[in-house]
Amino acid sequence: MNLCVEGHVGDIRLKLFEMLIRQKLLDKGLKAKTLTPQIVSFAITSACNLKCPHCHANAKKAFASELTIKEMLNAINQMADLGTEVLIFSGGEPLLRKNAVLNLTEYCSDLGIIPAMLTNGVLLNYKTAMELKDAGMLAVGIPLDFASPQRHDEFRGLPGTFSRAVNAIKACLNVDLKVVVTTMAMNSNFEEISKLLHFLAKLGVENVVLYDFIATGRGRELFNAALSMEKWSKLLHRIYTAQAEGDFFFLVSGGSPLYPGFIMEKQRKNETQPPDKLLRQFMVHSKVGCHAALYYLSLRPNGDVYPCPFLQINAGNIRENSLFEIWYRSEVFNILRNRKLLRGKCGGCEYREICGGCRARAYAKTGDFMEHDPNCPLELFETEETPLSAIEEFGICVG
């Protein structure tokens, strides 16, 4: 497929090479571009073959009027016009619309947008992995939440989900399609994460995203599932050890995107280098913390636009207004960009421009997306003698 319009043609190999050079020579990730949706999370369907209790998208059945492939291609053209560099396909389960995923992936490659995908892995076999690789997909995120197959299957609600996810990981690695394992960090699996990392290392997985659970969507009543700051402190030390030993590179999605930068700063202080893994290149070089409406947006299956997948406030719909109009003129987006409007502890914090708190967690807890983040990380950073001002990069949120 080659439907790209004149002026959009790009080559993701060149972009990836540029990112690698930034990492090697400058020790920096993706260069931030002011007020540009460099990363877009695109949920192409709300249909899913699982019914996980924590699902932020509350996914099960397809929306009555999901975007057509033609509409999605048009949306990607608009993203290219706005400067989008990374597009993450999600759902629901995106492989329930596999033909759309393949067409959109190929189109992204034509435009110079780096495509990635989140999938539960149930439908991902060797043939599909090869098709994704041939279409230009860079990386696939596959969830493993427990080291125990039984506990993972119980959590995901379908027997055999663990083995299918593991087989999907192996299939991707066999065709040289990059794999990122995603793990929802919760009280129920906190003690298993070290064991899970050991298992992933044996599989050959090198990139891990830990989700900081936010009680939204189907999981809106599960506030007690989220880790306390004390447990996050312990978990970050485990992550630091694994990353300092060079086995993994970690991002933290949702919650505090400053955590990966915190780990990297500890490594610099201790004169160790972050390992040369794929996700290292996708750190964004900017001191903003929460990047919703600054460098990031979420497009939903029916065309609605959210600031991020976890902050589920509709800023507009691409069937009614262009993505350009929504990005620049949405009242929701422009409020989020003005951190002087933050309230509570976040509003009075000297680091509000560097951190900004998690707007999704504030909204889930208080109903006001500009209120304080109830899981403020400031005390953790101070205890570790790592000031927020030292964090120069943030990890992208995916969902």
Protein backbone atom coordinates (compact mmCIF):
# COMPACT_ATOMS: atom_id res chain seq x y z
CA MET A 1 0.00 0.00 0.00
CA ASN A 2 1.26 3.46 -0.81
CA LEU A 3 -1.47 6.01 -0.17
CA CYS A 4 0.69 8.70 1.39
CA VAL A 5 0.28 12.24 0.19
CA GLU A 6 3.13 14.28 -1.20
CA GLY A 7 5.23 15.88 1.50
CA HIS A 8 4.63 13.14 4.06
CA VAL A 9 6.97 10.48 2.73
CA GLY A 10 9.45 9.38 5.37
CA ASP A 11 11.63 6.47 6.34
CA ILE A 12 11.43 5.14 9.88
CA ARG A 13 14.87 3.56 9.46
CA LEU A 14 16.36 7.05 9.22
CA LYS A 15 14.35 8.20 12.24
CA LEU A 16 15.44 5.20 14.29
CA PHE A 17 19.06 5.82 13.25
CA GLU A 18 18.78 9.44 14.38
CA MET A 19 17.35 8.31 17.71
CA LEU A 20 20.15 5.80 18.14
CA ILE A 21 22.75 8.51 17.48
CA ARG A 22 21.10 10.75 20.12
CA GLN A 23 21.29 7.89 22.57
CA LYS A 24 24.91 6.96 21.77
CA LEU A 25 26.41 10.44 21.49
CA LEU A 26 24.19 12.59 23.73
CA ASP A 27 22.80 9.94 26.10
CA LYS A 28 19.37 11.40 25.38
CA GLY A 29 16.13 9.95 24.08
CA LEU A 30 13.57 11.34 21.65
CA LYS A 31 13.96 15.12 21.28
CA ALA A 32 10.88 16.90 22.59
CA LYS A 33 9.14 19.29 20.22
CA THR A 34 7.06 22.03 21.78
CA LEU A 35 3.30 21.48 21.73
CA THR A 36 3.51 18.53 19.33
CA PRO A 37 1.66 15.18 19.73
CA GLN A 38 4.82 13.19 19.15
CA ILE A 39 3.29 10.07 20.68
CA VAL A 40 -0.28 8.99 19.93
CA SER A 41 -2.09 6.04 21.45
CA PHE A 42 -4.68 4.83 18.91
CA ALA A 43 -7.31 2.36 20.14
CA ILE A 44 -8.68 0.97 16.88
CA THR A 45 -11.44 -1.13 18.46
CA SER A 46 -13.16 -1.58 21.81
CA ALA A 47 -13.76 -5.27 21.06
CA CYS A 48 -11.71 -7.71 23.13
CA ASN A 49 -11.48 -11.46 23.58
CA LEU A 50 -10.68 -11.07 27.29
CA LYS A 51 -12.42 -9.25 30.11
CA CYS A 52 -9.67 -8.21 32.51
CA PRO A 53 -10.90 -6.65 35.78
CA HIS A 54 -8.53 -3.68 35.61
CA CYS A 55 -9.11 -2.70 31.95
CA HIS A 56 -8.98 1.09 31.62
CA ALA A 57 -10.88 0.88 28.30
CA ASN A 58 -13.63 -1.34 29.74
CA ALA A 59 -13.22 -3.29 26.51
CA LYS A 60 -15.49 -6.14 25.46
CA LYS A 61 -17.75 -5.29 22.52
CA ALA A 62 -16.97 -3.13 19.49
CA PHE A 63 -18.48 0.34 19.47
CA ALA A 64 -21.55 0.62 17.23
CA SER A 65 -19.75 3.04 14.93
CA GLU A 66 -16.00 2.49 14.96
CA LEU A 67 -13.77 4.37 12.56
CA THR A 68 -13.45 2.84 9.10
CA ILE A 69 -10.03 2.12 7.63
CA LYS A 70 -10.44 5.16 5.38
CA GLU A 71 -11.19 7.36 8.39
CA MET A 72 -8.22 5.92 10.28
CA LEU A 73 -5.88 6.57 7.35
CA ASN A 74 -7.13 10.15 7.24
CA ALA A 75 -6.52 10.47 10.99
CA ILE A 76 -2.94 9.26 10.55
CA ASN A 77 -2.42 11.84 7.80
CA GLN A 78 -3.55 14.50 10.27
CA MET A 79 -1.16 13.12 12.89
CA ALA A 80 1.68 13.36 10.37
CA ASP A 81 0.75 17.00 9.71
CA LEU A 82 0.93 17.68 13.45
CA GLY A 83 4.35 16.03 13.79
CA THR A 84 3.49 12.65 15.32
CA GLU A 85 6.54 10.37 15.43
CA VAL A 86 5.33 7.30 17.34
CA LEU A 87 1.91 5.66 16.96
CA ILE A 88 0.84 2.89 19.35
CA PHE A 89 -2.10 0.75 18.20
CA SER A 90 -4.24 -0.65 21.01
CA GLY A 91 -7.82 -1.52 21.84
CA GLY A 92 -9.60 -3.59 23.02
CA GLU A 93 -7.65 -6.19 21.16
CA PRO A 94 -6.31 -4.65 17.93
CA LEU A 95 -5.72 -8.02 16.25
CA LEU A 96 -9.49 -8.49 16.11
CA ARG A 97 -9.07 -5.95 13.27
CA LYS A 98 -5.86 -7.47 11.95
CA ASN A 99 -6.29 -6.27 8.36
CA ALA A 100 -6.70 -2.73 9.64
CA VAL A 101 -3.56 -3.07 11.78
CA LEU A 102 -1.52 -4.28 8.80
CA ASN A 103 -2.81 -1.53 6.49
CA LEU A 104 -2.27 1.20 9.09
CA THR A 105 1.19 -0.10 9.98
CA GLU A 106 2.29 -0.04 6.36
CA TYR A 107 0.87 3.45 5.97
CA CYS A 108 2.76 4.68 9.03
CA SER A 109 5.96 3.31 7.51
CA ASP A 110 5.25 5.31 4.34
CA LEU A 111 4.80 8.47 6.41
CA GLY A 112 7.85 8.00 8.62
CA ILE A 113 5.77 7.40 11.77
CA ILE A 114 7.11 4.60 13.99
CA PRO A 115 4.34 2.00 14.57
CA ALA A 116 4.00 -0.19 17.66
CA MET A 117 1.14 -2.24 19.06
CA LEU A 118 -0.29 -3.47 22.36
CA THR A 119 -1.95 -6.89 22.22
CA ASN A 120 -2.91 -9.55 24.77
CA GLY A 121 -1.07 -12.07 22.57
CA VAL A 122 -3.94 -14.56 22.28
CA LEU A 123 -4.19 -14.11 18.49
CA LEU A 124 -0.49 -13.55 17.83
CA ASN A 125 1.20 -16.58 16.25
CA TYR A 126 4.28 -16.94 14.04
CA LYS A 127 2.37 -16.15 10.82
CA THR A 128 0.85 -12.97 12.25
CA ALA A 129 4.19 -11.91 13.74
CA MET A 130 5.77 -12.26 10.31
CA GLU A 131 2.96 -10.25 8.70
CA LEU A 132 3.40 -7.47 11.25
CA LYS A 133 7.16 -7.45 10.74
CA ASP A 134 6.76 -7.30 6.94
CA ALA A 135 4.27 -4.42 7.25
CA GLY A 136 6.82 -2.38 9.21
CA MET A 137 5.75 -2.86 12.83
CA LEU A 138 8.67 -1.97 15.11
CA ALA A 139 7.57 -3.46 18.42
CA VAL A 140 4.74 -5.34 20.08
CA GLY A 141 3.72 -5.05 23.74
CA ILE A 142 2.46 -8.28 25.32
CA PRO A 143 1.23 -8.52 28.93
CA LEU A 144 2.50 -10.91 31.57
CA ASP A 145 1.35 -9.98 35.06
CA PHE A 146 2.30 -13.06 37.08
CA ALA A 147 5.11 -15.59 36.93
CA SER A 148 2.54 -18.28 37.70
CA PRO A 149 0.52 -19.37 34.64
CA GLN A 150 -2.50 -20.18 36.83
CA ARG A 151 -2.54 -16.76 38.51
CA HIS A 152 -2.06 -14.95 35.21
CA ASP A 153 -4.91 -16.92 33.61
CA GLU A 154 -7.20 -16.25 36.58
CA PHE A 155 -6.43 -12.54 36.40
CA ARG A 156 -7.02 -12.34 32.66
CA GLY A 157 -10.12 -14.53 32.88
CA LEU A 158 -9.25 -17.11 30.22
CA PRO A 159 -7.44 -20.44 30.65
CA GLY A 160 -4.31 -20.70 28.51
CA THR A 161 -3.73 -16.95 28.28
CA PHE A 162 -0.28 -17.21 29.89
CA SER A 163 0.95 -19.89 27.48
CA ARG A 164 -0.45 -18.01 24.48
CA ALA A 165 1.26 -14.81 25.61
CA VAL A 166 4.56 -16.67 26.03
CA ASN A 167 4.16 -18.27 22.59
CA ALA A 168 3.43 -14.84 21.13
CA ILE A 169 6.62 -13.47 22.68
CA LYS A 170 8.64 -16.34 21.23
CA ALA A 171 7.02 -15.90 17.79
CA CYS A 172 7.94 -12.20 17.71
CA LEU A 173 11.51 -12.84 18.82
CA ASN A 174 11.85 -15.54 16.16
CA VAL A 175 11.02 -13.07 13.37
CA ASP A 176 13.12 -10.26 14.94
CA LEU A 177 10.04 -8.23 15.90
CA LYS A 178 10.87 -6.28 19.06
CA VAL A 179 8.97 -7.35 22.16
CA VAL A 180 8.04 -5.23 25.16
CA VAL A 181 6.45 -7.09 28.07
CA THR A 182 3.86 -5.02 29.92
CA THR A 183 3.07 -5.74 33.57
CA MET A 184 0.35 -4.16 35.68
CA ALA A 185 2.04 -3.48 39.02
CA MET A 186 -0.53 -4.16 41.75
CA ASN A 187 -0.68 -5.37 45.32
CA SER A 188 -1.72 -8.82 44.10
CA ASN A 189 1.45 -9.40 42.04
CA PHE A 190 3.94 -7.19 43.86
CA GLU A 191 5.82 -10.09 45.45
CA GLU A 192 5.99 -11.97 42.11
CA ILE A 193 7.60 -9.26 40.02
CA SER A 194 11.19 -10.31 40.77
CA LYS A 195 10.33 -13.90 39.84
CA LEU A 196 8.59 -12.66 36.70
CA LEU A 197 11.69 -10.68 35.66
CA HIS A 198 13.81 -13.79 36.08
CA PHE A 199 11.40 -15.68 33.81
CA LEU A 200 11.46 -12.87 31.21
CA ALA A 201 15.25 -12.86 31.17
CA LYS A 202 15.23 -16.57 30.32
CA LEU A 203 12.79 -15.86 27.48
CA GLY A 204 15.14 -13.24 26.04
CA VAL A 205 12.93 -10.24 26.81
CA GLU A 206 14.92 -7.01 27.28
CA ASN A 207 12.27 -4.28 27.44
CA VAL A 208 9.62 -4.02 30.17
CA VAL A 209 6.84 -1.52 30.83
CA LEU A 210 5.38 -1.49 34.33
CA TYR A 211 1.93 0.06 34.62
CA ASP A 212 1.23 2.22 37.64
CA PHE A 213 -2.39 1.16 38.16
CA ILE A 214 -4.99 3.92 37.83
CA ALA A 215 -8.54 3.10 38.91
CA THR A 216 -10.46 3.93 35.78
CA GLY A 217 -12.62 2.12 33.25
CA ARG A 218 -13.58 -1.38 34.45
CA GLY A 219 -11.13 -0.98 37.31
CA ARG A 220 -12.64 2.23 38.66
CA GLU A 221 -13.55 0.63 42.02
CA LEU A 222 -10.18 -1.08 42.50
CA PHE A 223 -8.39 1.71 44.37
CA ASN A 224 -6.91 -0.80 46.81
CA ALA A 225 -5.14 -2.58 43.94
CA ALA A 226 -2.68 0.31 43.46
CA LEU A 227 0.76 0.17 45.07
CA SER A 228 1.57 2.50 47.94
CA MET A 229 4.52 4.85 47.62
CA GLU A 230 6.40 2.58 50.05
CA LYS A 231 5.95 -0.37 47.68
CA TRP A 232 6.84 1.76 44.66
CA SER A 233 10.07 2.68 46.45
CA LYS A 234 10.92 -1.01 46.88
CA LEU A 235 9.91 -1.79 43.32
CA LEU A 236 12.04 1.01 41.89
CA HIS A 237 15.04 -0.39 43.74
CA ARG A 238 14.39 -3.81 42.17
CA ILE A 239 14.11 -2.16 38.78
CA TYR A 240 17.30 -0.18 39.36
CA THR A 241 19.22 -3.37 40.16
CA ALA A 242 17.92 -5.18 37.07
CA GLN A 243 18.63 -2.21 34.83
CA ALA A 244 22.08 -1.52 36.32
CA GLU A 245 23.00 -5.14 35.64
CA GLY A 246 22.07 -4.56 32.01
CA ASP A 247 19.36 -7.18 31.69
CA PHE A 248 16.40 -4.84 31.05
CA PHE A 249 15.36 -1.32 30.31
CA PHE A 250 12.17 -0.17 32.03
CA LEU A 251 9.48 2.38 31.41
CA VAL A 252 6.62 3.11 33.81
CA SER A 253 3.30 3.86 32.14
CA GLY A 254 0.59 5.87 33.81
CA GLY A 255 1.11 7.44 37.21
CA SER A 256 4.57 8.97 37.22
CA PRO A 257 6.50 9.00 33.93
CA LEU A 258 9.39 10.44 35.97
CA TYR A 259 10.24 7.06 37.49
CA PRO A 260 12.38 5.88 34.53
CA GLY A 261 14.30 9.15 34.64
CA PHE A 262 14.71 8.69 38.40
CA ILE A 263 16.33 5.28 37.83
CA MET A 264 18.60 6.67 35.12
CA GLU A 265 19.66 9.53 37.38
CA LYS A 266 20.58 7.02 40.11
CA GLN A 267 22.65 5.13 37.55
CA ARG A 268 24.48 8.28 36.52
CA LYS A 269 25.20 9.14 40.16
CA ASN A 270 26.58 5.63 40.67
CA GLU A 271 28.53 5.82 37.41
CA THR A 272 26.69 3.03 35.63
CA GLN A 273 25.16 3.38 32.17
CA PRO A 274 21.56 2.56 31.25
CA PRO A 275 21.62 -0.52 28.99
CA ASP A 276 21.42 -0.08 25.24
CA LYS A 277 17.87 -1.39 24.71
CA LEU A 278 15.03 -0.29 22.44
CA LEU A 279 12.98 1.56 25.07
CA ARG A 280 15.96 3.73 26.03
CA GLN A 281 15.56 5.54 22.71
CA PHE A 282 11.91 6.32 23.49
CA MET A 283 12.56 8.33 26.60
CA VAL A 284 11.56 11.91 25.77
CA HIS A 285 14.09 14.65 26.49
CA SER A 286 11.99 17.24 28.30
CA LYS A 287 11.28 18.29 31.89
CA VAL A 288 7.50 18.02 31.96
CA GLY A 289 6.51 14.81 33.73
CA CYS A 290 2.87 14.27 32.78
CA HIS A 291 2.85 14.79 29.00
CA ALA A 292 -0.88 14.56 28.29
CA ALA A 293 -1.88 17.38 25.91
CA LEU A 294 1.77 18.48 25.63
CA TYR A 295 3.41 15.66 23.65
CA TYR A 296 0.70 13.02 23.81
CA LEU A 297 -2.94 12.28 22.97
CA SER A 298 -5.21 9.25 22.77
CA LEU A 299 -7.54 8.54 19.84
CA ARG A 300 -10.47 6.25 20.64
CA PRO A 301 -12.20 3.74 18.31
CA ASN A 302 -15.16 6.05 17.60
CA GLY A 303 -13.02 9.12 16.88
CA ASP A 304 -13.12 10.68 20.35
CA VAL A 305 -9.88 12.31 21.50
CA TYR A 306 -8.64 12.04 25.09
CA PRO A 307 -5.58 13.70 26.64
CA CYS A 308 -4.37 10.18 27.51
CA PRO A 309 -5.99 6.72 27.68
CA PHE A 310 -6.32 6.93 31.46
CA LEU A 311 -7.71 10.50 31.58
CA GLN A 312 -11.01 9.74 29.94
CA ILE A 313 -12.34 13.22 29.20
CA ASN A 314 -13.52 13.88 25.68
CA ALA A 315 -11.71 16.82 24.08
CA GLY A 316 -13.45 16.44 20.70
CA ASN A 317 -14.19 13.98 17.90
CA ILE A 318 -12.34 13.77 14.58
CA ARG A 319 -15.61 13.20 12.73
CA GLU A 320 -16.72 16.65 13.84
CA ASN A 321 -13.47 18.62 13.97
CA SER A 322 -9.99 18.14 12.56
CA LEU A 323 -7.29 16.77 14.82
CA PHE A 324 -5.51 20.11 14.32
CA GLU A 325 -8.49 22.00 15.76
CA ILE A 326 -8.85 19.61 18.69
CA TRP A 327 -5.13 19.64 19.52
CA TYR A 328 -4.74 23.40 19.48
CA ARG A 329 -8.21 24.67 20.48
CA SER A 330 -9.68 22.11 22.84
CA GLU A 331 -10.57 23.71 26.16
CA VAL A 332 -9.57 20.52 28.01
CA PHE A 333 -6.15 20.44 26.36
CA ASN A 334 -5.47 24.10 26.97
CA ILE A 335 -6.43 23.83 30.65
CA LEU A 336 -4.02 20.91 31.05
CA ARG A 337 -1.23 22.94 29.46
CA ASN A 338 -1.59 25.74 32.03
CA ARG A 339 -0.15 24.32 35.21
CA LYS A 340 -0.84 27.53 37.05
CA LEU A 341 -4.41 26.20 37.15
CA LEU A 342 -3.43 23.13 39.17
CA ARG A 343 -5.11 22.93 42.57
CA GLY A 344 -4.28 21.49 45.96
CA LYS A 345 -0.78 20.25 46.74
CA CYS A 346 0.15 20.11 43.04
CA GLY A 347 -0.91 23.73 42.52
CA GLY A 348 1.41 24.99 45.24
CA CYS A 349 4.34 22.72 44.38
CA GLU A 350 7.61 24.24 43.15
CA TYR A 351 7.91 21.30 40.74
CA ARG A 352 4.50 21.65 39.07
CA GLU A 353 6.07 22.47 35.68
CA ILE A 354 8.56 19.58 35.94
CA CYS A 355 6.14 16.98 37.31
CA GLY A 356 2.52 18.09 37.07
CA GLY A 357 1.32 15.01 38.95
CA CYS A 358 -0.83 12.36 37.26
CA ARG A 359 -3.93 14.11 35.96
CA ALA A 360 -5.70 10.80 35.36
CA ARG A 361 -5.19 9.63 38.93
CA ALA A 362 -6.33 13.00 40.28
CA TYR A 363 -9.49 12.71 38.16
CA ALA A 364 -10.14 9.11 39.21
CA LYS A 365 -9.79 9.99 42.89
CA THR A 366 -11.43 13.43 43.07
CA GLY A 367 -13.45 13.92 39.88
CA ASP A 368 -11.32 17.02 39.13
CA PHE A 369 -8.45 16.50 36.68
CA MET A 370 -6.64 19.62 37.95
CA GLU A 371 -6.68 18.55 41.60
CA HIS A 372 -3.65 17.15 43.42
CA ASP A 373 -2.23 13.73 42.61
CA PRO A 374 -2.91 11.52 45.68
CA ASN A 375 0.29 9.54 44.98
CA CYS A 376 2.73 12.46 44.98
CA PRO A 377 6.26 11.09 44.36
CA LEU A 378 8.08 14.08 45.88
CA GLU A 379 8.86 12.44 49.23
CA LEU A 380 10.27 9.38 47.45
CA PHE A 381 12.58 11.52 45.33
CA GLU A 382 13.72 13.52 48.35
CA THR A 383 14.39 10.38 50.40
CA GLU A 384 16.57 9.08 47.59
CA GLU A 385 18.36 12.45 47.37
CA THR A 386 17.33 12.77 43.73
CA PRO A 387 15.69 16.16 43.20
CA LEU A 388 12.95 16.34 40.60
CA SER A 389 14.91 19.12 38.93
CA ALA A 390 17.62 16.57 38.03
CA ILE A 391 15.21 14.50 35.90
CA GLU A 392 15.68 15.54 32.28
CA GLU A 393 13.67 12.81 30.52
CA PHE A 394 10.31 11.16 30.95
CA GLY A 395 9.00 7.76 29.89
CA ILE A 396 6.09 7.71 27.45
CA CYS A 397 2.73 6.41 28.65
CA VAL A 398 1.13 3.66 26.60
CA GLY A 399 -2.41 2.38 26.67
